[in-house]
Amino acid sequence: MKRANLEKRVSAGSANLAVEAVDRYLAATSEPARGMLVAIRDVVRAVVPPEAEEVFSYGMPGFRYKGTLLYFGAFKHHCGFFPGSPPLLQSLADELNDFKTSRGGIQFPFTKPLPVALIEKIVRLRVAENDARQKGKALSAATVPKA
């Protein structure tokens, strides 16, 4: 029983450290990147299930939910958003036409408004992917649920 309580405290302490690391990262980031990153964080927090955790890894803020969910970070001319799911990004190719993309990421330039609805959709789809993966059902690009 004591071990379970200790694990809960360590886990909660680790989560607090991650949130503090994200806060420090955001505080050290200059505008306009900071505003965009805070907005991305707020959108993700509003969409993810309550058991999702903020993380700080690869030098960037991110979220975990039944595994890695996504990362985001500041760059010289854009904020990068990394859902880490090439099939999902391929399935949304038409909606991503206005943005530079890579196999696993999207660039949101500072010169354009943040596409909040698109970010919400991507986060919901990533949550669904991780739920399905945990249940043993792999989602392909053709079976990614529509948000």
C-alpha atoms as a PDB file:
ATOM      1  CA  MET A   1       0.000   0.000   0.000  1.00  0.00           C
ATOM      2  CA  LYS A   2       2.800   2.417   0.866  1.00  0.00           C
ATOM      3  CA  ARG A   3       4.492   1.713  -2.476  1.00  0.00           C
ATOM      4  CA  ALA A   4       1.310   2.596  -4.407  1.00  0.00           C
ATOM      5  CA  ASN A   5       1.027   5.885  -2.537  1.00  0.00           C
ATOM      6  CA  LEU A   6       4.693   6.639  -3.233  1.00  0.00           C
ATOM      7  CA  GLU A   7       4.205   5.905  -6.950  1.00  0.00           C
ATOM      8  CA  LYS A   8       1.232   8.284  -7.045  1.00  0.00           C
ATOM      9  CA  ARG A   9       3.277  11.025  -5.392  1.00  0.00           C
ATOM     10  CA  VAL A  10       6.241  10.482  -7.719  1.00  0.00           C
ATOM     11  CA  SER A  11       3.938  10.475 -10.742  1.00  0.00           C
ATOM     12  CA  ALA A  12       2.182  13.637  -9.575  1.00  0.00           C
ATOM     13  CA  GLY A  13       5.545  15.235  -8.808  1.00  0.00           C
ATOM     14  CA  SER A  14       6.835  14.354 -12.269  1.00  0.00           C
ATOM     15  CA  ALA A  15       3.728  15.878 -13.839  1.00  0.00           C
ATOM     16  CA  ASN A  16       4.261  19.056 -11.847  1.00  0.00           C
ATOM     17  CA  LEU A  17       7.896  19.196 -12.975  1.00  0.00           C
ATOM     18  CA  ALA A  18       6.804  18.808 -16.594  1.00  0.00           C
ATOM     19  CA  VAL A  19       4.251  21.617 -16.279  1.00  0.00           C
ATOM     20  CA  GLU A  20       6.921  23.812 -14.658  1.00  0.00           C
ATOM     21  CA  ALA A  21       9.340  22.996 -17.499  1.00  0.00           C
ATOM     22  CA  VAL A  22       6.679  23.940 -20.063  1.00  0.00           C
ATOM     23  CA  ASP A  23       5.984  27.166 -18.174  1.00  0.00           C
ATOM     24  CA  ARG A  24       9.715  28.010 -18.184  1.00  0.00           C
ATOM     25  CA  TYR A  25       9.961  27.231 -21.903  1.00  0.00           C
ATOM     26  CA  LEU A  26       7.028  29.519 -22.668  1.00  0.00           C
ATOM     27  CA  ALA A  27       8.400  32.301 -20.445  1.00  0.00           C
ATOM     28  CA  ALA A  28      11.759  32.135 -22.244  1.00  0.00           C
ATOM     29  CA  THR A  29      10.145  32.306 -25.684  1.00  0.00           C
ATOM     30  CA  SER A  30       9.735  35.735 -27.248  1.00  0.00           C
ATOM     31  CA  GLU A  31       6.685  37.057 -29.066  1.00  0.00           C
ATOM     32  CA  PRO A  32       5.026  36.310 -31.423  1.00  0.00           C
ATOM     33  CA  ALA A  33       5.948  32.675 -30.779  1.00  0.00           C
ATOM     34  CA  ARG A  34       4.980  32.784 -27.102  1.00  0.00           C
ATOM     35  CA  GLY A  35       1.427  33.899 -27.820  1.00  0.00           C
ATOM     36  CA  MET A  36       0.968  31.217 -30.443  1.00  0.00           C
ATOM     37  CA  LEU A  37       2.413  28.488 -28.200  1.00  0.00           C
ATOM     38  CA  VAL A  38       0.196  29.516 -25.288  1.00  0.00           C
ATOM     39  CA  ALA A  39      -2.812  29.412 -27.605  1.00  0.00           C
ATOM     40  CA  ILE A  40      -1.846  25.936 -28.861  1.00  0.00           C
ATOM     41  CA  ARG A  41      -1.405  24.729 -25.273  1.00  0.00           C
ATOM     42  CA  ASP A  42      -4.797  26.147 -24.278  1.00  0.00           C
ATOM     43  CA  VAL A  43      -6.536  24.505 -27.248  1.00  0.00           C
ATOM     44  CA  VAL A  44      -4.935  21.135 -26.533  1.00  0.00           C
ATOM     45  CA  ARG A  45      -5.744  21.342 -22.810  1.00  0.00           C
ATOM     46  CA  ALA A  46      -9.389  22.066 -23.653  1.00  0.00           C
ATOM     47  CA  VAL A  47      -9.665  19.019 -25.930  1.00  0.00           C
ATOM     48  CA  VAL A  48      -7.639  16.232 -24.315  1.00  0.00           C
ATOM     49  CA  PRO A  49      -9.186  13.885 -21.758  1.00  0.00           C
ATOM     50  CA  PRO A  50      -8.562  14.789 -18.092  1.00  0.00           C
ATOM     51  CA  GLU A  51      -6.040  11.970 -17.683  1.00  0.00           C
ATOM     52  CA  ALA A  52      -3.736  13.402 -20.383  1.00  0.00           C
ATOM     53  CA  GLU A  53      -0.411  14.687 -19.068  1.00  0.00           C
ATOM     54  CA  GLU A  54       1.744  17.572 -20.119  1.00  0.00           C
ATOM     55  CA  VAL A  55       5.328  16.588 -20.824  1.00  0.00           C
ATOM     56  CA  PHE A  56       8.548  18.308 -21.739  1.00  0.00           C
ATOM     57  CA  SER A  57      10.795  16.228 -23.942  1.00  0.00           C
ATOM     58  CA  TYR A  58      12.938  16.692 -27.047  1.00  0.00           C
ATOM     59  CA  GLY A  59      13.317  20.291 -25.862  1.00  0.00           C
ATOM     60  CA  MET A  60       9.624  20.964 -26.477  1.00  0.00           C
ATOM     61  CA  PRO A  61       6.301  20.944 -24.655  1.00  0.00           C
ATOM     62  CA  GLY A  62       3.942  18.109 -25.415  1.00  0.00           C
ATOM     63  CA  PHE A  63       1.145  15.899 -24.192  1.00  0.00           C
ATOM     64  CA  ARG A  64       0.840  12.194 -23.434  1.00  0.00           C
ATOM     65  CA  TYR A  65      -2.362  10.222 -23.467  1.00  0.00           C
ATOM     66  CA  LYS A  66      -2.059   6.457 -23.670  1.00  0.00           C
ATOM     67  CA  GLY A  67       1.334   7.119 -25.212  1.00  0.00           C
ATOM     68  CA  THR A  68       2.794  10.135 -26.943  1.00  0.00           C
ATOM     69  CA  LEU A  69       0.060  12.426 -28.246  1.00  0.00           C
ATOM     70  CA  LEU A  70       1.848  15.460 -29.701  1.00  0.00           C
ATOM     71  CA  TYR A  71       4.611  18.042 -29.326  1.00  0.00           C
ATOM     72  CA  PHE A  72       4.825  21.707 -30.242  1.00  0.00           C
ATOM     73  CA  GLY A  73       7.601  24.263 -30.251  1.00  0.00           C
ATOM     74  CA  ALA A  74       8.882  27.654 -31.351  1.00  0.00           C
ATOM     75  CA  PHE A  75      11.125  28.234 -34.337  1.00  0.00           C
ATOM     76  CA  LYS A  76      12.457  31.346 -36.036  1.00  0.00           C
ATOM     77  CA  HIS A  77       9.483  32.039 -38.325  1.00  0.00           C
ATOM     78  CA  HIS A  78       6.825  29.589 -37.160  1.00  0.00           C
ATOM     79  CA  CYS A  79       5.534  27.306 -34.453  1.00  0.00           C
ATOM     80  CA  GLY A  80       5.877  23.622 -35.154  1.00  0.00           C
ATOM     81  CA  PHE A  81       3.044  21.259 -34.288  1.00  0.00           C
ATOM     82  CA  PHE A  82       4.007  17.593 -34.259  1.00  0.00           C
ATOM     83  CA  PRO A  83       1.102  15.162 -33.926  1.00  0.00           C
ATOM     84  CA  GLY A  84       3.478  12.324 -34.741  1.00  0.00           C
ATOM     85  CA  SER A  85       1.059  10.516 -37.040  1.00  0.00           C
ATOM     86  CA  PRO A  86       1.948  10.590 -40.730  1.00  0.00           C
ATOM     87  CA  PRO A  87      -1.251   8.716 -41.700  1.00  0.00           C
ATOM     88  CA  LEU A  88      -3.360  11.315 -39.896  1.00  0.00           C
ATOM     89  CA  LEU A  89      -1.562  14.186 -41.607  1.00  0.00           C
ATOM     90  CA  GLN A  90      -1.994  12.454 -44.983  1.00  0.00           C
ATOM     91  CA  SER A  91      -5.711  12.072 -44.321  1.00  0.00           C
ATOM     92  CA  LEU A  92      -5.953  15.820 -43.684  1.00  0.00           C
ATOM     93  CA  ALA A  93      -3.861  16.878 -46.692  1.00  0.00           C
ATOM     94  CA  ASP A  94      -6.636  19.048 -48.175  1.00  0.00           C
ATOM     95  CA  GLU A  95      -7.058  20.938 -44.898  1.00  0.00           C
ATOM     96  CA  LEU A  96      -3.297  21.415 -44.565  1.00  0.00           C
ATOM     97  CA  ASN A  97      -2.772  22.964 -48.019  1.00  0.00           C
ATOM     98  CA  ASP A  98      -2.166  26.421 -46.528  1.00  0.00           C
ATOM     99  CA  PHE A  99       0.661  25.171 -44.292  1.00  0.00           C
ATOM    100  CA  LYS A 100       4.103  23.739 -44.817  1.00  0.00           C
ATOM    101  CA  THR A 101       4.109  20.141 -43.604  1.00  0.00           C
ATOM    102  CA  SER A 102       6.597  17.355 -43.155  1.00  0.00           C
ATOM    103  CA  ARG A 103       6.057  13.668 -42.572  1.00  0.00           C
ATOM    104  CA  GLY A 104       5.099  14.265 -38.942  1.00  0.00           C
ATOM    105  CA  GLY A 105       4.666  17.993 -38.444  1.00  0.00           C
ATOM    106  CA  ILE A 106       2.926  21.191 -39.454  1.00  0.00           C
ATOM    107  CA  GLN A 107       4.365  24.703 -39.514  1.00  0.00           C
ATOM    108  CA  PHE A 108       2.095  27.505 -38.334  1.00  0.00           C
ATOM    109  CA  PRO A 109       3.743  30.728 -39.537  1.00  0.00           C
ATOM    110  CA  PHE A 110       3.556  33.814 -37.355  1.00  0.00           C
ATOM    111  CA  THR A 111       2.101  35.724 -40.319  1.00  0.00           C
ATOM    112  CA  LYS A 112      -1.147  33.697 -40.327  1.00  0.00           C
ATOM    113  CA  PRO A 113      -3.862  33.281 -37.703  1.00  0.00           C
ATOM    114  CA  LEU A 114      -3.657  30.078 -35.685  1.00  0.00           C
ATOM    115  CA  PRO A 115      -6.105  27.493 -37.122  1.00  0.00           C
ATOM    116  CA  VAL A 116      -7.789  26.647 -33.824  1.00  0.00           C
ATOM    117  CA  ALA A 117     -10.514  24.416 -35.311  1.00  0.00           C
ATOM    118  CA  LEU A 118      -7.895  22.421 -37.221  1.00  0.00           C
ATOM    119  CA  ILE A 119      -5.784  21.944 -34.083  1.00  0.00           C
ATOM    120  CA  GLU A 120      -8.860  20.790 -32.145  1.00  0.00           C
ATOM    121  CA  LYS A 121      -9.661  18.294 -34.903  1.00  0.00           C
ATOM    122  CA  ILE A 122      -6.105  16.949 -34.990  1.00  0.00           C
ATOM    123  CA  VAL A 123      -6.005  16.543 -31.209  1.00  0.00           C
ATOM    124  CA  ARG A 124      -9.348  14.679 -31.200  1.00  0.00           C
ATOM    125  CA  LEU A 125      -8.111  12.395 -33.958  1.00  0.00           C
ATOM    126  CA  ARG A 126      -4.830  11.720 -32.132  1.00  0.00           C
ATOM    127  CA  VAL A 127      -6.763  10.846 -28.964  1.00  0.00           C
ATOM    128  CA  ALA A 128      -8.882   8.434 -31.025  1.00  0.00           C
ATOM    129  CA  GLU A 129      -5.733   6.905 -32.566  1.00  0.00           C
ATOM    130  CA  ASN A 130      -4.171   6.328 -29.152  1.00  0.00           C
ATOM    131  CA  ASP A 131      -7.427   4.882 -27.783  1.00  0.00           C
ATOM    132  CA  ALA A 132      -7.641   2.497 -30.746  1.00  0.00           C
ATOM    133  CA  ARG A 133      -3.978   1.535 -30.466  1.00  0.00           C
ATOM    134  CA  GLN A 134      -4.383   0.709 -26.809  1.00  0.00           C
ATOM    135  CA  LYS A 135      -7.392  -1.451 -27.673  1.00  0.00           C
ATOM    136  CA  GLY A 136      -5.263  -3.242 -30.253  1.00  0.00           C
ATOM    137  CA  LYS A 137      -6.879  -1.706 -33.312  1.00  0.00           C
ATOM    138  CA  ALA A 138      -4.465   0.055 -35.604  1.00  0.00           C
ATOM    139  CA  LEU A 139      -5.941   2.986 -37.500  1.00  0.00           C
ATOM    140  CA  SER A 140      -4.814   3.444 -41.059  1.00  0.00           C
ATOM    141  CA  ALA A 141      -5.130   6.633 -43.083  1.00  0.00           C
ATOM    142  CA  ALA A 142      -8.326   5.216 -44.549  1.00  0.00           C
ATOM    143  CA  THR A 143      -9.833   4.465 -41.147  1.00  0.00           C
ATOM    144  CA  VAL A 144      -8.946   7.669 -39.290  1.00  0.00           C
ATOM    145  CA  PRO A 145     -12.259   8.825 -37.764  1.00  0.00           C
ATOM    146  CA  LYS A 146     -13.726  12.049 -39.074  1.00  0.00           C
ATOM    147  CA  ALA A 147     -13.997  14.786 -36.441  1.00  0.00           C
END
